[in-house]
Protein backbone atom coordinates (compact mmCIF):
# COMPACT_ATOMS: atom_id res chain seq x y z
CA UNK A 1 -14.61 1.48 2.61
CA UNK A 2 -18.02 1.95 4.06
CA UNK A 3 -20.97 0.86 1.99
CA UNK A 4 -19.00 0.21 -1.17
CA UNK A 5 -18.60 -3.09 -2.95
CA UNK A 6 -15.16 -4.51 -2.22
CA UNK A 7 -13.21 -6.06 -5.03
CA UNK A 8 -12.43 -9.70 -4.06
CA UNK A 9 -8.88 -9.25 -5.36
CA UNK A 10 -8.28 -6.65 -2.62
CA UNK A 11 -7.29 -9.03 0.15
CA UNK A 12 -6.40 -8.79 3.01
CA UNK A 13 -8.11 -5.63 4.18
CA UNK A 14 -7.16 -3.75 7.33
CA UNK A 15 -9.63 -3.64 10.20
CA UNK A 16 -10.70 -0.32 11.77
CA UNK A 17 -7.94 -0.15 14.40
CA UNK A 18 -5.20 -1.05 11.91
CA UNK A 19 -6.56 1.54 9.48
CA UNK A 20 -6.16 4.26 12.11
CA UNK A 21 -2.59 3.12 12.83
CA UNK A 22 -1.75 3.09 9.11
CA UNK A 23 -3.19 6.59 8.64
CA UNK A 24 -1.07 7.84 11.57
CA UNK A 25 2.05 6.36 9.96
CA UNK A 26 1.18 7.93 6.61
CA UNK A 27 0.73 11.34 8.27
CA UNK A 28 4.09 11.02 10.03
CA UNK A 29 5.79 10.06 6.77
CA UNK A 30 4.20 13.06 5.05
CA UNK A 31 5.43 15.38 7.82
CA UNK A 32 8.98 14.07 7.40
CA UNK A 33 8.76 14.37 3.59
CA UNK A 34 9.27 10.61 3.25
CA UNK A 35 5.97 9.84 1.54
CA UNK A 36 5.86 8.61 -2.06
CA UNK A 37 2.51 8.41 -3.86
CA UNK A 38 1.37 6.21 -6.69
CA UNK A 39 2.06 2.80 -8.12
CA UNK A 40 5.03 4.01 -10.17
CA UNK A 41 6.77 5.56 -7.16
CA UNK A 42 6.07 2.44 -5.09
CA UNK A 43 7.59 0.27 -7.81
CA UNK A 44 10.68 2.48 -8.01
CA UNK A 45 11.27 2.39 -4.26
CA UNK A 46 10.80 -1.38 -4.17
CA UNK A 47 13.29 -1.86 -6.99
CA UNK A 48 15.81 0.44 -5.30
CA UNK A 49 15.38 -1.37 -1.99
CA UNK A 50 14.47 1.73 0.00
CA UNK A 51 10.81 1.04 0.76
CA UNK A 52 9.87 -0.25 4.18
CA UNK A 53 6.11 0.14 4.12
CA UNK A 54 3.65 0.29 1.22
CA UNK A 55 -0.06 1.03 1.60
CA UNK A 56 -2.34 -0.05 -1.22
CA UNK A 57 -5.88 1.31 -1.53
CA UNK A 58 -8.60 -1.29 -2.04
CA UNK A 59 -10.77 1.20 -3.95
CA UNK A 60 -8.25 1.76 -6.73
CA UNK A 61 -9.83 1.63 -10.18
CA UNK A 62 -8.72 -0.49 -11.93
CA UNK A 63 -7.23 -2.54 -9.11
CA UNK A 64 -4.90 -4.28 -11.55
CA UNK A 65 -2.67 -1.19 -11.38
CA UNK A 66 -1.54 -2.33 -7.92
CA UNK A 67 -1.58 -6.11 -8.23
CA UNK A 68 2.09 -6.36 -9.21
CA UNK A 69 3.24 -4.70 -5.96
CA UNK A 70 2.74 -7.69 -3.60
CA UNK A 71 4.68 -9.93 -5.99
CA UNK A 72 7.48 -7.41 -6.27
CA UNK A 73 7.53 -6.90 -2.50
CA UNK A 74 7.78 -10.65 -1.99
CA UNK A 75 10.72 -10.82 -4.40
CA UNK A 76 12.42 -7.97 -2.56
CA UNK A 77 11.75 -9.64 0.84
CA UNK A 78 9.40 -6.91 2.04
CA UNK A 79 6.69 -8.54 4.13
CA UNK A 80 3.06 -7.76 3.52
CA UNK A 81 -0.17 -8.70 5.30
């Protein structure tokens, strides 16, 4: 997110090195056809207990679409940072 105003609710944000690592993981998941996109798909995989890693975009508009995911992940014992 270069040059854009960051929503204060979008915390914590990944640094540059972690962003590159996350993008590599997302590309690998896409190559293996294991990638799910969107808040609804993320919610479904959390509820089913099959998600291991969820990436949330800080530039989502409105950000409130994603704010339930950390709470749900915490309930399902999926760690987030």
